[in-house]
Structure formats: structure tokens, C-alpha cells
N, C-alpha and C. Protein backbone atom coordinates (compact mmCIF):
# COMPACT_ATOMS: atom_id res chain seq x y z
N LEU A 1 111.75 23.91 -21.31
CA LEU A 1 111.24 24.22 -22.60
C LEU A 1 111.79 25.66 -22.90
N LYS A 2 112.23 26.00 -24.20
CA LYS A 2 113.29 27.11 -25.03
C LYS A 2 112.05 27.44 -26.02
N ILE A 3 111.31 28.52 -25.77
CA ILE A 3 110.07 29.27 -26.65
C ILE A 3 110.85 30.02 -27.70
N LYS A 4 110.78 29.30 -29.13
CA LYS A 4 111.34 30.01 -30.17
C LYS A 4 110.46 31.51 -30.54
N ILE A 5 111.21 32.54 -30.72
CA ILE A 5 110.89 33.38 -30.83
C ILE A 5 110.91 33.73 -32.57
N LYS A 6 109.87 34.49 -33.42
CA LYS A 6 109.67 34.75 -34.64
C LYS A 6 110.83 35.80 -34.85
N GLN A 7 111.66 35.80 -35.89
CA GLN A 7 112.73 36.49 -36.35
C GLN A 7 112.39 37.42 -37.27
N LYS A 8 112.51 38.97 -36.81
CA LYS A 8 112.04 39.83 -37.60
C LYS A 8 113.05 41.12 -37.88
N THR A 9 113.22 41.28 -39.17
CA THR A 9 114.47 42.62 -39.15
C THR A 9 113.39 43.59 -40.20
N GLU A 10 113.55 44.78 -39.24
CA GLU A 10 112.94 45.98 -39.81
C GLU A 10 113.71 47.12 -39.93
N LEU A 11 114.28 47.58 -41.41
CA LEU A 11 115.05 48.74 -41.32
C LEU A 11 114.39 50.00 -41.57
N THR A 12 114.27 51.17 -41.06
CA THR A 12 113.72 52.30 -41.68
C THR A 12 114.79 53.44 -41.86
N ASN A 13 114.36 53.91 -43.24
CA ASN A 13 115.36 55.07 -43.95
C ASN A 13 116.73 54.75 -43.50
N ARG A 14 117.22 53.45 -43.56
CA ARG A 14 118.61 52.81 -43.75
C ARG A 14 119.25 53.44 -42.15
N LYS A 15 118.54 54.26 -41.29
CA LYS A 15 119.28 54.54 -39.77
C LYS A 15 118.60 53.82 -38.69
N ASN A 16 117.56 53.48 -38.76
CA ASN A 16 117.31 52.42 -37.53
C ASN A 16 116.96 50.87 -38.04
N LEU A 17 117.59 50.07 -37.36
CA LEU A 17 117.17 48.76 -37.24
C LEU A 17 116.57 48.37 -36.27
N CYS A 18 115.72 47.24 -36.39
CA CYS A 18 114.96 46.63 -35.13
C CYS A 18 114.95 45.15 -35.46
N LEU A 19 115.57 44.59 -34.82
CA LEU A 19 115.56 43.05 -34.94
C LEU A 19 114.98 42.06 -33.83
N THR A 20 114.43 41.16 -34.18
CA THR A 20 113.89 40.04 -32.97
C THR A 20 114.40 38.64 -33.05
N GLY A 21 114.12 37.95 -32.41
CA GLY A 21 114.31 36.63 -32.54
C GLY A 21 115.80 36.20 -32.44
N ILE A 22 116.73 37.13 -31.90
CA ILE A 22 118.20 36.96 -31.60
C ILE A 22 118.11 36.06 -30.51
N GLU A 23 119.06 34.76 -30.76
CA GLU A 23 119.39 34.05 -29.89
C GLU A 23 121.01 33.94 -29.20
N LYS A 24 121.54 34.97 -30.11
CA LYS A 24 123.01 35.10 -29.40
C LYS A 24 123.67 36.45 -30.54
N VAL A 25 124.30 37.34 -29.46
CA VAL A 25 124.95 38.47 -30.01
C VAL A 25 126.64 38.06 -29.74
N VAL A 26 127.34 37.86 -31.04
CA VAL A 26 128.48 37.25 -31.27
C VAL A 26 129.29 38.48 -30.93
N GLY A 27 129.22 39.77 -31.93
CA GLY A 27 130.21 41.07 -31.39
C GLY A 27 129.19 42.58 -32.24
N ILE A 28 130.11 43.30 -31.31
CA ILE A 28 129.34 44.43 -31.94
C ILE A 28 130.48 45.45 -31.82
N SER A 29 130.32 46.66 -32.99
CA SER A 29 131.37 47.66 -32.97
C SER A 29 130.48 48.37 -33.64
N ASP A 30 131.21 49.92 -34.00
CA ASP A 30 130.26 51.06 -34.65
C ASP A 30 130.15 50.59 -36.02
N SER A 31 130.85 49.55 -36.53
CA SER A 31 130.62 49.60 -38.28
C SER A 31 130.26 48.12 -38.34
N GLU A 32 130.20 47.23 -37.54
CA GLU A 32 129.54 45.79 -37.67
C GLU A 32 128.73 45.28 -36.23
N LEU A 33 127.57 44.42 -36.93
CA LEU A 33 127.00 43.91 -35.66
C LEU A 33 127.06 42.49 -36.14
N LEU A 34 127.12 41.33 -35.31
CA LEU A 34 126.82 40.02 -35.65
C LEU A 34 126.39 39.13 -34.55
N VAL A 35 124.88 38.89 -35.08
CA VAL A 35 124.32 37.96 -33.77
C VAL A 35 123.71 36.65 -34.66
N GLU A 36 123.33 35.81 -33.92
CA GLU A 36 123.09 34.41 -34.33
C GLU A 36 121.34 34.63 -34.23
N VAL A 37 120.64 34.15 -35.08
CA VAL A 37 119.43 34.14 -35.61
C VAL A 37 118.58 33.18 -36.07
N ASP A 38 117.88 32.10 -35.32
CA ASP A 38 117.38 31.06 -36.01
C ASP A 38 118.70 30.05 -36.42
N GLY A 39 119.54 29.96 -35.70
CA GLY A 39 120.52 28.94 -36.00
C GLY A 39 121.82 29.41 -36.83
N VAL A 40 121.51 30.60 -37.39
CA VAL A 40 122.33 31.36 -38.94
C VAL A 40 122.89 32.75 -38.42
N ALA A 41 124.09 33.13 -38.97
CA ALA A 41 124.53 34.25 -38.42
C ALA A 41 123.92 35.42 -39.25
N LEU A 42 123.94 36.42 -38.45
CA LEU A 42 123.33 37.65 -39.50
C LEU A 42 124.38 38.84 -38.91
N SER A 43 124.78 39.37 -40.04
CA SER A 43 125.55 40.45 -40.09
C SER A 43 125.23 41.91 -40.43
N VAL A 44 125.56 42.92 -39.69
CA VAL A 44 124.75 43.93 -40.21
C VAL A 44 126.08 45.18 -40.39
N GLN A 45 126.35 45.66 -41.44
CA GLN A 45 127.39 46.70 -41.19
C GLN A 45 127.10 47.90 -41.89
N GLY A 46 127.60 48.66 -41.36
CA GLY A 46 127.15 50.35 -41.57
C GLY A 46 128.34 50.95 -40.85
N SER A 47 127.93 52.43 -40.43
CA SER A 47 128.75 53.47 -39.99
C SER A 47 128.34 53.90 -38.67
N ASN A 48 128.98 54.72 -37.81
CA ASN A 48 128.31 55.11 -36.74
C ASN A 48 127.35 54.38 -36.34
N MET A 49 127.14 53.15 -36.12
CA MET A 49 126.34 52.37 -35.40
C MET A 49 126.05 52.26 -33.77
N GLU A 50 124.95 52.38 -32.91
CA GLU A 50 125.19 52.34 -31.69
C GLU A 50 123.78 51.67 -31.26
N VAL A 51 124.06 50.60 -30.49
CA VAL A 51 122.83 49.85 -29.77
C VAL A 51 122.21 50.86 -28.77
N LYS A 52 120.43 50.96 -29.56
CA LYS A 52 119.85 51.53 -28.65
C LYS A 52 119.31 51.11 -27.52
N LYS A 53 118.88 49.49 -27.73
CA LYS A 53 118.11 48.96 -26.99
C LYS A 53 118.60 47.41 -27.18
N LEU A 54 118.64 46.77 -25.99
CA LEU A 54 118.91 44.86 -26.25
C LEU A 54 118.36 44.60 -25.09
N ASP A 55 117.19 43.67 -25.52
CA ASP A 55 116.71 42.90 -24.18
C ASP A 55 116.93 41.25 -24.88
N VAL A 56 117.85 40.68 -23.62
CA VAL A 56 118.45 39.58 -23.88
C VAL A 56 117.15 38.41 -23.73
N GLU A 57 116.21 38.95 -22.89
CA GLU A 57 115.16 37.98 -22.48
C GLU A 57 114.07 37.78 -23.39
N SER A 58 113.81 38.84 -24.20
CA SER A 58 112.61 38.84 -25.44
C SER A 58 113.23 38.44 -27.00
N GLY A 59 115.04 38.50 -26.67
CA GLY A 59 115.30 38.55 -27.98
C GLY A 59 115.62 39.56 -29.32
N SER A 60 115.38 40.91 -28.62
CA SER A 60 115.18 41.97 -29.37
C SER A 60 116.53 42.96 -29.33
N LEU A 61 116.78 43.65 -30.36
CA LEU A 61 117.63 44.68 -30.29
C LEU A 61 117.46 45.61 -31.22
N GLU A 62 117.85 47.00 -31.17
CA GLU A 62 117.46 48.16 -31.61
C GLU A 62 119.12 48.88 -31.76
N VAL A 63 119.02 49.16 -33.20
CA VAL A 63 120.66 50.07 -33.59
C VAL A 63 120.35 51.09 -34.39
N ASP A 64 121.01 52.11 -33.97
CA ASP A 64 120.72 53.24 -34.86
C ASP A 64 122.03 53.46 -35.64
N GLY A 65 122.15 54.31 -36.97
CA GLY A 65 123.36 54.34 -37.61
C GLY A 65 122.91 54.54 -38.84
N MET A 66 123.87 54.52 -39.94
CA MET A 66 123.72 54.18 -41.08
C MET A 66 124.26 52.86 -41.46
N ILE A 67 122.91 52.25 -41.96
CA ILE A 67 123.16 51.45 -42.00
C ILE A 67 123.28 50.64 -43.64
N ASN A 68 124.63 49.98 -44.24
CA ASN A 68 124.85 49.62 -45.46
C ASN A 68 124.52 48.26 -46.06
N ASN A 69 124.61 47.26 -45.00
CA ASN A 69 124.62 45.94 -45.28
C ASN A 69 123.93 44.88 -44.70
N ILE A 70 123.21 44.04 -44.88
CA ILE A 70 122.70 43.35 -44.03
C ILE A 70 122.92 41.82 -44.70
N LYS A 71 123.46 40.76 -43.97
CA LYS A 71 123.36 39.49 -44.87
C LYS A 71 123.37 38.39 -43.84
N TYR A 72 122.77 37.59 -44.20
CA TYR A 72 122.54 36.38 -43.70
C TYR A 72 123.70 35.21 -44.11
N PHE A 73 124.14 34.28 -43.31
CA PHE A 73 125.10 33.55 -43.63
C PHE A 73 124.81 31.94 -42.87
N ASP A 74 124.60 31.13 -43.75
CA ASP A 74 124.00 29.50 -43.41
C ASP A 74 125.20 29.16 -42.55
N LYS A 75 124.75 27.79 -42.05
CA LYS A 75 125.69 27.37 -41.23
C LYS A 75 126.85 26.89 -41.42
N LYS A 76 126.94 26.51 -42.93
CA LYS A 76 128.41 26.48 -43.25
C LYS A 76 129.34 27.60 -43.27
N GLN A 77 128.68 28.44 -43.74
CA GLN A 77 129.64 30.01 -43.51
C GLN A 77 129.83 30.49 -42.46
N LYS A 78 128.99 29.96 -41.52
CA LYS A 78 128.94 31.01 -39.91
C LYS A 78 130.12 31.09 -39.45
N LEU A 79 130.87 29.82 -39.25
CA LEU A 79 131.83 29.75 -38.41
C LEU A 79 133.36 30.31 -39.02
N SER A 80 133.11 30.30 -40.30
CA SER A 80 134.60 30.68 -40.97
C SER A 80 134.68 32.15 -40.81
N PHE A 81 133.77 32.84 -41.09
CA PHE A 81 133.00 34.04 -41.22
C PHE A 81 133.39 34.77 -40.07
N ILE A 82 132.89 34.31 -38.93
CA ILE A 82 132.98 34.76 -37.70
C ILE A 82 134.55 34.76 -37.12
N LYS A 83 135.47 33.45 -37.59
CA LYS A 83 136.73 33.51 -37.12
C LYS A 83 137.20 34.65 -37.88
N ARG A 84 136.58 35.13 -39.39
CA ARG A 84 137.72 36.01 -39.92
C ARG A 84 137.17 37.48 -39.65
N ILE A 85 136.07 37.66 -39.15
CA ILE A 85 135.61 39.27 -38.76
C ILE A 85 136.47 39.29 -37.33
N PHE A 86 136.25 38.47 -36.21
CA PHE A 86 136.75 38.77 -35.25
C PHE A 86 137.96 38.01 -34.61
N LYS A 87 138.78 38.32 -35.51
CA LYS A 87 140.21 37.59 -35.43
C LYS A 87 140.94 38.26 -33.86
């Protein structure tokens, strides 16, 4: 039995991002983060991003750095986007 965690995105002063409901971390760099939430891809772009906390069991992630863009991709866009970003 898999318990579904509510997805929440909280950004404070463009410098601290807290995400919950993460199902999978696809890729992380200092300028981009790609995770899967609720069956769709979530891309976070910025600069000097650093993962401060990652809890796989609870599906939560905390990132510090300058956040410039947060974008959700539907299921059709997800695969092509992931291939393009992480070649």
C-alpha cells in the first residue's frame, strides 16, 4: 500500500525552496533540479542551488540558492524534456 503525500511547493524570498510530495529525483545540479511529483516533472532553475535537506521516506526536499524558474510539465512533455536536459 503506497500512501500518497500531498504535493506542496513553498518558495521564500526566491532563495529557499521547500518541496513535498516528491516521488523521484531525476537530476540535480547547481543550476537545475528535476523531480517527479504526482506523476509529472517539476523543473527548478536558478543559480548556486544547493540541496540542504533530502528525505526520501517523506518525499521532501529543501534547496537554497537563487531560484529563477519553477515549471511543471505534463506527462507528454516529461520524457522529451528529461532527454533534452540530461543528454
